[in-house]
Every structure is written in structure tokens, then in C-alpha cells.
Amino acid sequence: MCIRDRNLYKIGRIAGLQQKDMETCLQNKDVATAMVARFQETTKADNISSTPTLVLNGKNIGNMSYTELAALIDEAMS
């Protein structure tokens, strides 16, 4: 299994997908290629260069304390 597929399985498990469902999906190379393309498009559009990266209202949020992050989220929700 190539690195790309291992990463997709990892993302799927984190999202709560079952192994058999991921296998069915990823065996369809058109679907797998489209998923990778979408991931690449969105990471480029949102200027994601590392993980974790948080995007709040279109703005990348840097490393900060929970208190600072909570304040930004509360402000964005008001």
C-alpha cells in the first residue's frame, strides 16, 4: 500500500469510517484521485502548510493557549 493510501485510511479512521467502507471507496481509483485532488486544492486555498492548522472565518489561527483560542471563537460566534 502506498503512503497516499495509508494516509487516506488514517484520515478515514479518524473520521469514523469503517475499514470495509474505506476499502470499497479507495479501490475506485477515480474516487481516490478526486479525494486527493480536493485535499490538495483546499490545503492550497486555505494556505495550510502544517498540522494542526485551524482556520476561523477564513483566517489561519496560529499556536495559542486554549483561553486565547476560546476567546477568538466566542468573538467569531457573537
Protein backbone atom coordinates (compact mmCIF):
# COMPACT_ATOMS: atom_id res chain seq x y z
CA MET A 1 0.00 0.00 0.00
CA CYS A 2 1.43 3.38 -0.94
CA ILE A 3 1.88 6.24 1.52
CA ARG A 4 -1.02 8.15 -0.02
CA ASP A 5 -3.42 5.27 0.62
CA ARG A 6 -2.15 4.78 4.18
CA ASN A 7 -2.76 8.46 4.86
CA LEU A 8 -6.26 8.28 3.40
CA TYR A 9 -7.08 5.25 5.57
CA LYS A 10 -5.78 7.13 8.61
CA ILE A 11 -7.97 10.15 7.81
CA GLY A 12 -10.95 7.86 7.26
CA ARG A 13 -10.44 6.12 10.62
CA ILE A 14 -10.21 9.48 12.37
CA ALA A 15 -13.48 10.47 10.67
CA GLY A 16 -15.12 7.29 11.96
CA LEU A 17 -15.28 5.30 8.73
CA GLN A 18 -15.20 1.52 8.79
CA GLN A 19 -12.29 -0.31 7.13
CA LYS A 20 -14.53 -2.15 4.62
CA ASP A 21 -16.19 1.11 3.53
CA MET A 22 -12.83 2.77 3.00
CA GLU A 23 -11.58 -0.21 1.00
CA THR A 24 -14.64 -0.10 -1.25
CA CYS A 25 -14.17 3.62 -1.80
CA LEU A 26 -10.41 3.59 -2.25
CA GLN A 27 -10.46 0.67 -4.66
CA ASN A 28 -12.23 3.05 -7.01
CA LYS A 29 -9.16 4.91 -8.33
CA ASP A 30 -11.29 7.75 -9.77
CA VAL A 31 -12.77 8.42 -6.33
CA ALA A 32 -9.37 8.17 -4.62
CA THR A 33 -7.80 10.54 -7.16
CA ALA A 34 -10.66 13.01 -6.72
CA MET A 35 -10.26 12.89 -2.92
CA VAL A 36 -6.54 13.63 -3.13
CA ALA A 37 -7.15 16.44 -5.63
CA ARG A 38 -9.78 18.01 -3.35
CA PHE A 39 -7.43 17.77 -0.36
CA GLN A 40 -4.65 19.45 -2.35
CA GLU A 41 -6.98 22.20 -3.60
CA THR A 42 -8.33 23.05 -0.17
CA THR A 43 -4.97 22.99 1.57
CA LYS A 44 -3.60 25.37 -1.06
CA ALA A 45 -6.67 27.63 -0.95
CA ASP A 46 -6.55 27.84 2.86
CA ASN A 47 -2.74 28.17 2.92
CA ILE A 48 -2.32 25.04 5.06
CA SER A 49 1.34 24.12 5.38
CA SER A 50 1.41 22.15 8.63
CA THR A 51 -0.77 20.36 11.12
CA PRO A 52 -2.56 21.20 13.14
CA THR A 53 -3.79 24.33 11.42
CA LEU A 54 -7.04 25.96 12.47
CA VAL A 55 -8.97 28.19 10.10
CA LEU A 56 -11.53 30.51 11.65
CA ASN A 57 -13.64 32.61 9.30
CA GLY A 58 -11.06 32.16 6.56
CA LYS A 59 -8.10 33.22 8.71
CA ASN A 60 -5.33 30.84 9.80
CA ILE A 61 -5.02 30.74 13.56
CA GLY A 62 -1.56 30.17 14.96
CA ASN A 63 -0.45 28.29 18.01
CA MET A 64 -2.03 29.75 21.15
CA SER A 65 -3.43 28.83 24.50
CA TYR A 66 -6.89 27.36 24.93
CA THR A 67 -8.02 30.59 26.62
CA GLU A 68 -6.89 32.70 23.65
CA LEU A 69 -8.48 30.32 21.14
CA ALA A 70 -11.74 30.19 23.10
CA ALA A 71 -11.87 33.99 23.12
CA LEU A 72 -11.43 34.10 19.31
CA ILE A 73 -14.16 31.50 18.82
CA ASP A 74 -16.51 33.31 21.21
CA GLU A 75 -15.88 36.58 19.34
CA ALA A 76 -16.50 34.93 15.98
CA MET A 77 -19.77 33.45 17.22
CA SER A 78 -21.12 36.75 18.57
